[in-house]
Amino acid sequence: MRDAMGLSGDTKVHLTMEGDVVRLEPLGHRVRRARELYRAAVMTPRTTEDFLRDRRAEAEADETGVVPREADAVEGRGGGSSGDQTGGAA
């Protein structure tokens, strides 16, 4: 069966059953499909670095009590009186 699917070596295969249908697909195909679905659904593409930068800013805000203005814009929090706590820092 692996030969018929064009698989070689220790390629992992995912098996799903839907009613009386059995479906086999290489794990790589599922990962690719998940990435395609994510790219189609995401409103604002973000990189891992974007994510990490935002988390570092949030951690700093938790420690200092000061919310950076950039983090508000990126996370869409804005509004409220939290902007008054920045003290003019960018």
N, C-alpha and C. Protein backbone atom coordinates (compact mmCIF):
# COMPACT_ATOMS: atom_id res chain seq x y z
N MET A 1 0.82 -1.18 0.00
CA MET A 1 0.00 0.00 0.00
C MET A 1 0.87 1.26 0.00
N ARG A 2 1.98 1.26 0.77
CA ARG A 2 2.87 2.42 0.81
C ARG A 2 3.47 2.68 -0.57
N ASP A 3 3.79 1.63 -1.29
CA ASP A 3 4.31 1.80 -2.65
C ASP A 3 3.26 2.45 -3.55
N ALA A 4 2.03 2.01 -3.43
CA ALA A 4 0.95 2.57 -4.25
C ALA A 4 0.73 4.05 -3.94
N MET A 5 1.02 4.46 -2.69
CA MET A 5 0.86 5.86 -2.30
C MET A 5 2.11 6.69 -2.63
N GLY A 6 3.16 6.01 -3.08
CA GLY A 6 4.40 6.72 -3.41
C GLY A 6 5.20 7.10 -2.18
N LEU A 7 5.04 6.37 -1.10
CA LEU A 7 5.75 6.66 0.14
C LEU A 7 7.01 5.83 0.24
N SER A 8 8.03 6.43 0.84
CA SER A 8 9.28 5.70 1.02
C SER A 8 9.77 5.92 2.44
N GLY A 9 10.68 5.06 2.87
CA GLY A 9 11.27 5.19 4.19
C GLY A 9 10.24 5.09 5.30
N ASP A 10 10.43 5.94 6.30
CA ASP A 10 9.53 5.89 7.45
C ASP A 10 8.52 7.03 7.46
N THR A 11 8.04 7.41 6.28
CA THR A 11 7.03 8.46 6.17
C THR A 11 5.82 8.09 7.00
N LYS A 12 5.39 9.01 7.86
CA LYS A 12 4.25 8.76 8.72
C LYS A 12 2.95 8.94 7.93
N VAL A 13 1.97 8.11 8.26
CA VAL A 13 0.68 8.12 7.58
C VAL A 13 -0.42 8.31 8.63
N HIS A 14 -1.40 9.14 8.32
CA HIS A 14 -2.52 9.37 9.21
C HIS A 14 -3.73 8.63 8.67
N LEU A 15 -4.41 7.89 9.54
CA LEU A 15 -5.58 7.11 9.15
C LEU A 15 -6.81 7.72 9.82
N THR A 16 -7.84 7.97 9.02
CA THR A 16 -9.12 8.43 9.57
C THR A 16 -10.23 7.54 9.04
N MET A 17 -11.26 7.36 9.86
CA MET A 17 -12.42 6.60 9.46
C MET A 17 -13.62 7.52 9.51
N GLU A 18 -14.34 7.61 8.41
CA GLU A 18 -15.57 8.39 8.33
C GLU A 18 -16.67 7.44 7.87
N GLY A 19 -17.46 7.01 8.83
CA GLY A 19 -18.47 6.00 8.51
C GLY A 19 -17.80 4.72 8.09
N ASP A 20 -18.08 4.26 6.87
CA ASP A 20 -17.47 3.03 6.38
C ASP A 20 -16.32 3.30 5.43
N VAL A 21 -15.79 4.53 5.46
CA VAL A 21 -14.67 4.91 4.59
C VAL A 21 -13.41 5.08 5.43
N VAL A 22 -12.33 4.44 4.96
CA VAL A 22 -11.02 4.58 5.60
C VAL A 22 -10.16 5.45 4.71
N ARG A 23 -9.52 6.43 5.30
CA ARG A 23 -8.70 7.36 4.52
C ARG A 23 -7.28 7.35 5.08
N LEU A 24 -6.31 7.15 4.19
CA LEU A 24 -4.89 7.20 4.55
C LEU A 24 -4.26 8.37 3.82
N GLU A 25 -3.53 9.20 4.55
CA GLU A 25 -2.80 10.28 3.89
C GLU A 25 -1.50 10.55 4.64
N PRO A 26 -0.45 10.87 3.89
CA PRO A 26 0.82 11.17 4.53
C PRO A 26 0.69 12.39 5.44
N LEU A 27 1.38 12.35 6.56
CA LEU A 27 1.31 13.44 7.52
C LEU A 27 1.70 14.78 6.88
N GLY A 28 2.67 14.76 5.99
CA GLY A 28 3.10 15.98 5.31
C GLY A 28 1.99 16.65 4.53
N HIS A 29 1.10 15.86 3.94
CA HIS A 29 -0.04 16.42 3.22
C HIS A 29 -0.99 17.14 4.17
N ARG A 30 -1.20 16.56 5.36
CA ARG A 30 -2.08 17.19 6.35
C ARG A 30 -1.48 18.49 6.84
N VAL A 31 -0.17 18.52 7.06
CA VAL A 31 0.50 19.74 7.51
C VAL A 31 0.37 20.81 6.44
N ARG A 32 0.62 20.45 5.20
CA ARG A 32 0.51 21.42 4.10
C ARG A 32 -0.91 21.98 4.01
N ARG A 33 -1.91 21.11 4.13
CA ARG A 33 -3.30 21.55 4.07
C ARG A 33 -3.62 22.50 5.23
N ALA A 34 -3.13 22.20 6.41
CA ALA A 34 -3.36 23.06 7.57
C ALA A 34 -2.74 24.44 7.35
N ARG A 35 -1.54 24.47 6.79
CA ARG A 35 -0.89 25.75 6.51
C ARG A 35 -1.67 26.55 5.48
N GLU A 36 -2.17 25.88 4.45
CA GLU A 36 -2.96 26.56 3.43
C GLU A 36 -4.25 27.14 4.02
N LEU A 37 -4.90 26.36 4.88
CA LEU A 37 -6.12 26.85 5.52
C LEU A 37 -5.83 28.05 6.41
N TYR A 38 -4.72 27.98 7.14
CA TYR A 38 -4.33 29.10 8.00
C TYR A 38 -4.08 30.35 7.18
N ARG A 39 -3.30 30.22 6.11
CA ARG A 39 -2.99 31.38 5.27
C ARG A 39 -4.25 31.99 4.66
N ALA A 40 -5.21 31.15 4.31
CA ALA A 40 -6.45 31.64 3.72
C ALA A 40 -7.33 32.34 4.76
N ALA A 41 -7.22 31.94 6.03
CA ALA A 41 -8.10 32.47 7.07
C ALA A 41 -7.51 33.66 7.83
N VAL A 42 -6.20 33.76 7.86
CA VAL A 42 -5.57 34.79 8.69
C VAL A 42 -5.84 36.18 8.10
N MET A 43 -6.21 37.11 8.96
CA MET A 43 -6.51 38.47 8.52
C MET A 43 -5.23 39.29 8.35
N THR A 44 -4.32 39.16 9.31
CA THR A 44 -3.07 39.91 9.27
C THR A 44 -1.94 38.91 9.43
N PRO A 45 -1.18 38.65 8.36
CA PRO A 45 -0.09 37.69 8.48
C PRO A 45 0.92 38.16 9.51
N ARG A 46 1.34 37.27 10.39
CA ARG A 46 2.32 37.60 11.42
C ARG A 46 3.39 36.53 11.43
N THR A 47 4.59 36.95 11.71
CA THR A 47 5.70 36.02 11.80
C THR A 47 5.89 35.60 13.25
N THR A 48 6.72 34.61 13.46
CA THR A 48 7.06 34.19 14.81
C THR A 48 7.71 35.34 15.56
N GLU A 49 8.55 36.09 14.87
CA GLU A 49 9.21 37.24 15.51
C GLU A 49 8.18 38.27 15.96
N ASP A 50 7.14 38.52 15.16
CA ASP A 50 6.07 39.44 15.57
C ASP A 50 5.43 38.95 16.87
N PHE A 51 5.12 37.67 16.91
CA PHE A 51 4.50 37.07 18.08
C PHE A 51 5.39 37.22 19.31
N LEU A 52 6.68 36.87 19.17
CA LEU A 52 7.59 36.95 20.30
C LEU A 52 7.78 38.39 20.77
N ARG A 53 7.87 39.34 19.84
CA ARG A 53 8.02 40.75 20.20
C ARG A 53 6.82 41.21 21.02
N ASP A 54 5.61 40.82 20.60
CA ASP A 54 4.41 41.20 21.33
C ASP A 54 4.39 40.59 22.72
N ARG A 55 4.80 39.32 22.84
CA ARG A 55 4.80 38.67 24.15
C ARG A 55 5.82 39.32 25.07
N ARG A 56 6.98 39.70 24.54
CA ARG A 56 7.99 40.38 25.37
C ARG A 56 7.45 41.71 25.85
N ALA A 57 6.78 42.45 24.99
CA ALA A 57 6.19 43.74 25.37
C ALA A 57 5.14 43.54 26.45
N GLU A 58 4.33 42.49 26.32
CA GLU A 58 3.31 42.21 27.34
C GLU A 58 3.95 41.87 28.67
N ALA A 59 5.03 41.06 28.63
CA ALA A 59 5.72 40.69 29.87
C ALA A 59 6.31 41.92 30.54
N GLU A 60 6.89 42.80 29.73
CA GLU A 60 7.46 44.03 30.28
C GLU A 60 6.36 44.90 30.89
N ALA A 61 5.22 44.97 30.21
CA ALA A 61 4.09 45.76 30.72
C ALA A 61 3.60 45.18 32.04
N ASP A 62 3.58 43.86 32.15
CA ASP A 62 3.15 43.22 33.40
C ASP A 62 4.10 43.58 34.54
N GLU A 63 5.41 43.64 34.24
CA GLU A 63 6.41 43.94 35.27
C GLU A 63 6.42 45.40 35.66
N THR A 64 6.24 46.30 34.69
CA THR A 64 6.35 47.74 34.95
C THR A 64 5.02 48.43 35.14
N GLY A 65 3.94 47.82 34.68
CA GLY A 65 2.63 48.45 34.75
C GLY A 65 2.42 49.47 33.64
N VAL A 66 3.37 49.58 32.71
CA VAL A 66 3.27 50.53 31.60
C VAL A 66 2.98 49.75 30.33
N VAL A 67 1.93 50.11 29.62
CA VAL A 67 1.55 49.41 28.39
C VAL A 67 2.12 50.18 27.21
N PRO A 68 3.05 49.57 26.44
CA PRO A 68 3.61 50.25 25.27
C PRO A 68 2.53 50.52 24.23
N ARG A 69 2.59 51.66 23.59
CA ARG A 69 1.58 52.01 22.59
C ARG A 69 1.61 51.05 21.41
N GLU A 70 2.78 50.59 20.98
CA GLU A 70 2.86 49.66 19.84
C GLU A 70 2.10 48.39 20.13
N ALA A 71 2.22 47.87 21.34
CA ALA A 71 1.52 46.63 21.70
C ALA A 71 0.02 46.84 21.62
N ASP A 72 -0.47 48.02 22.04
CA ASP A 72 -1.90 48.30 21.95
C ASP A 72 -2.36 48.25 20.50
N ALA A 73 -1.60 48.86 19.59
CA ALA A 73 -2.00 48.90 18.18
C ALA A 73 -1.97 47.51 17.56
N VAL A 74 -0.92 46.74 17.87
CA VAL A 74 -0.77 45.41 17.27
C VAL A 74 -1.86 44.47 17.77
N GLU A 75 -2.14 44.51 19.07
CA GLU A 75 -3.11 43.59 19.64
C GLU A 75 -4.54 44.11 19.52
N GLY A 76 -4.70 45.37 19.08
CA GLY A 76 -6.03 45.91 18.89
C GLY A 76 -6.72 46.24 20.20
N ARG A 77 -5.95 46.44 21.26
CA ARG A 77 -6.56 46.73 22.55
C ARG A 77 -6.99 48.18 22.63
N GLY A 78 -6.10 49.11 22.30
CA GLY A 78 -6.41 50.54 22.27
C GLY A 78 -7.45 50.93 23.29
N GLY A 79 -8.17 52.01 23.03
CA GLY A 79 -9.31 52.43 23.83
C GLY A 79 -9.06 52.46 25.32
N GLY A 80 -10.04 52.88 26.08
CA GLY A 80 -9.93 52.93 27.53
C GLY A 80 -8.92 53.96 27.97
N SER A 81 -8.60 53.94 29.26
CA SER A 81 -7.66 54.92 29.80
C SER A 81 -6.26 54.37 29.88
N SER A 82 -6.01 53.17 29.38
CA SER A 82 -4.67 52.58 29.48
C SER A 82 -3.65 53.38 28.72
N GLY A 83 -4.05 54.14 27.70
CA GLY A 83 -3.10 54.95 26.94
C GLY A 83 -2.49 56.03 27.79
N ASP A 84 -3.17 56.46 28.87
CA ASP A 84 -2.66 57.48 29.75
C ASP A 84 -1.50 56.98 30.59
N GLN A 85 -1.32 55.68 30.72
CA GLN A 85 -0.28 55.11 31.56
C GLN A 85 1.06 55.05 30.87
N THR A 86 1.13 55.34 29.59
CA THR A 86 2.39 55.19 28.86
C THR A 86 3.36 56.31 29.16
N GLY A 87 2.87 57.45 29.66
CA GLY A 87 3.77 58.53 29.97
C GLY A 87 4.48 59.08 28.76
N GLY A 88 3.89 58.94 27.59
CA GLY A 88 4.49 59.47 26.36
C GLY A 88 5.55 58.58 25.76
N ALA A 89 5.84 57.42 26.34
CA ALA A 89 6.86 56.52 25.79
C ALA A 89 6.29 55.79 24.58
N ALA A 90 7.13 55.63 23.55
CA ALA A 90 6.67 54.95 22.34
C ALA A 90 7.06 53.51 22.36
